[in-house]
Amino acid sequence: MTVPAQQPPTPQEVQGFVDTFGRVVSNVELAVLGKNQVVRLALTALFAEGHLLIEDVPGTGKTSLARGPSRRACRASGGGSSSPRTCCRRTCPA
């Protein structure tokens, strides 16, 4: 089976993504203070549909970093729970 070639994004689409990414980063940084690079890397993994292992000492916002975007994604997808685990079970394929 041949996969059709995708067209590269237009400059307007790229700028739209940059703007959206910046707004999401700003929103998450309201809950996770002083971790700009960590927030950007975590969101990059999320947008790329990849995996992320967060390691740090206790009390540094790992749970807030994991829950913030998942709550917003769950609400946007129509899931009723704000738990990342429950949301994933409802919205992700098995």
Protein backbone atom coordinates (compact mmCIF):
# COMPACT_ATOMS: atom_id res chain seq x y z
CA MET A 1 0.00 0.00 0.00
CA THR A 2 1.42 3.35 -1.02
CA VAL A 3 1.10 6.30 1.34
CA PRO A 4 0.20 9.50 -0.50
CA ALA A 5 2.79 12.25 -0.32
CA GLN A 6 1.94 15.04 2.08
CA GLN A 7 2.32 18.65 1.11
CA PRO A 8 4.64 20.68 3.34
CA PRO A 9 2.82 23.09 5.64
CA THR A 10 2.22 26.59 4.40
CA PRO A 11 3.90 29.51 6.19
CA GLN A 12 0.49 30.42 7.65
CA GLU A 13 0.05 26.90 9.07
CA VAL A 14 3.54 27.00 10.56
CA GLN A 15 2.86 30.40 12.15
CA GLY A 16 -0.47 29.13 13.47
CA PHE A 17 1.26 26.19 15.13
CA VAL A 18 3.96 28.45 16.58
CA ASP A 19 1.29 30.75 18.04
CA THR A 20 -0.74 27.86 19.47
CA PHE A 21 2.35 26.20 20.91
CA GLY A 22 3.36 29.46 22.59
CA ARG A 23 -0.10 29.88 24.13
CA VAL A 24 -0.10 26.31 25.45
CA VAL A 25 3.41 26.77 26.92
CA SER A 26 2.32 30.00 28.62
CA ASN A 27 -0.76 28.30 30.02
CA VAL A 28 1.15 25.30 31.42
CA GLU A 29 3.83 27.61 32.87
CA LEU A 30 1.13 29.14 35.09
CA ALA A 31 1.12 25.83 37.00
CA VAL A 32 4.77 24.81 36.55
CA LEU A 33 6.93 27.79 37.45
CA GLY A 34 10.54 28.25 36.34
CA LYS A 35 10.72 25.19 34.07
CA ASN A 36 10.39 26.70 30.60
CA GLN A 37 12.67 24.22 28.84
CA VAL A 38 11.05 21.24 30.60
CA VAL A 39 7.56 22.47 29.66
CA ARG A 40 8.58 22.99 26.04
CA LEU A 41 10.19 19.54 25.79
CA ALA A 42 7.19 17.85 27.43
CA LEU A 43 4.77 19.57 25.07
CA THR A 44 6.96 18.70 22.09
CA ALA A 45 6.71 15.03 23.09
CA LEU A 46 2.94 15.41 23.50
CA PHE A 47 2.47 17.04 20.08
CA ALA A 48 4.73 14.43 18.46
CA GLU A 49 2.62 11.69 20.09
CA GLY A 50 5.73 10.34 21.78
CA HIS A 51 6.56 9.13 25.26
CA LEU A 52 8.09 11.10 28.09
CA LEU A 53 9.76 10.02 31.33
CA ILE A 54 9.87 12.81 33.90
CA GLU A 55 12.53 12.42 36.60
CA ASP A 56 13.37 14.99 39.25
CA VAL A 57 13.51 15.42 43.00
CA PRO A 58 10.22 15.53 44.98
CA GLY A 59 8.24 18.75 44.92
CA THR A 60 9.38 20.08 41.55
CA GLY A 61 6.08 19.96 39.64
CA LYS A 62 6.29 16.64 37.81
CA THR A 63 2.67 15.76 38.57
CA SER A 64 1.47 19.27 37.68
CA LEU A 65 3.34 19.02 34.40
CA ALA A 66 1.70 15.67 33.62
CA ARG A 67 -1.81 16.62 34.71
CA GLY A 68 -2.08 20.09 33.20
CA PRO A 69 -2.03 19.23 29.50
CA SER A 70 -3.90 15.95 30.04
CA ARG A 71 -6.81 17.71 31.75
CA ARG A 72 -7.11 20.17 28.91
CA ALA A 73 -6.86 17.43 26.28
CA CYS A 74 -9.43 15.29 28.09
CA ARG A 75 -11.90 18.18 28.36
CA ALA A 76 -11.36 19.05 24.71
CA SER A 77 -11.99 15.45 23.66
CA GLY A 78 -15.21 15.19 25.66
CA GLY A 79 -13.89 12.94 28.43
CA GLY A 80 -15.53 13.41 31.79
CA SER A 81 -12.62 12.72 34.09
CA SER A 82 -9.57 14.86 34.65
CA SER A 83 -7.43 11.84 35.53
CA PRO A 84 -4.77 11.28 32.86
CA ARG A 85 -5.23 7.53 33.18
CA THR A 86 -9.02 7.58 32.84
CA CYS A 87 -8.90 10.09 30.02
CA CYS A 88 -6.39 7.96 28.15
CA ARG A 89 -8.57 4.86 28.52
CA ARG A 90 -11.52 6.75 27.06
CA THR A 91 -9.78 8.53 24.22
CA CYS A 92 -6.81 6.40 23.21
CA PRO A 93 -7.11 3.21 21.16
CA ALA A 94 -6.34 0.00 23.01
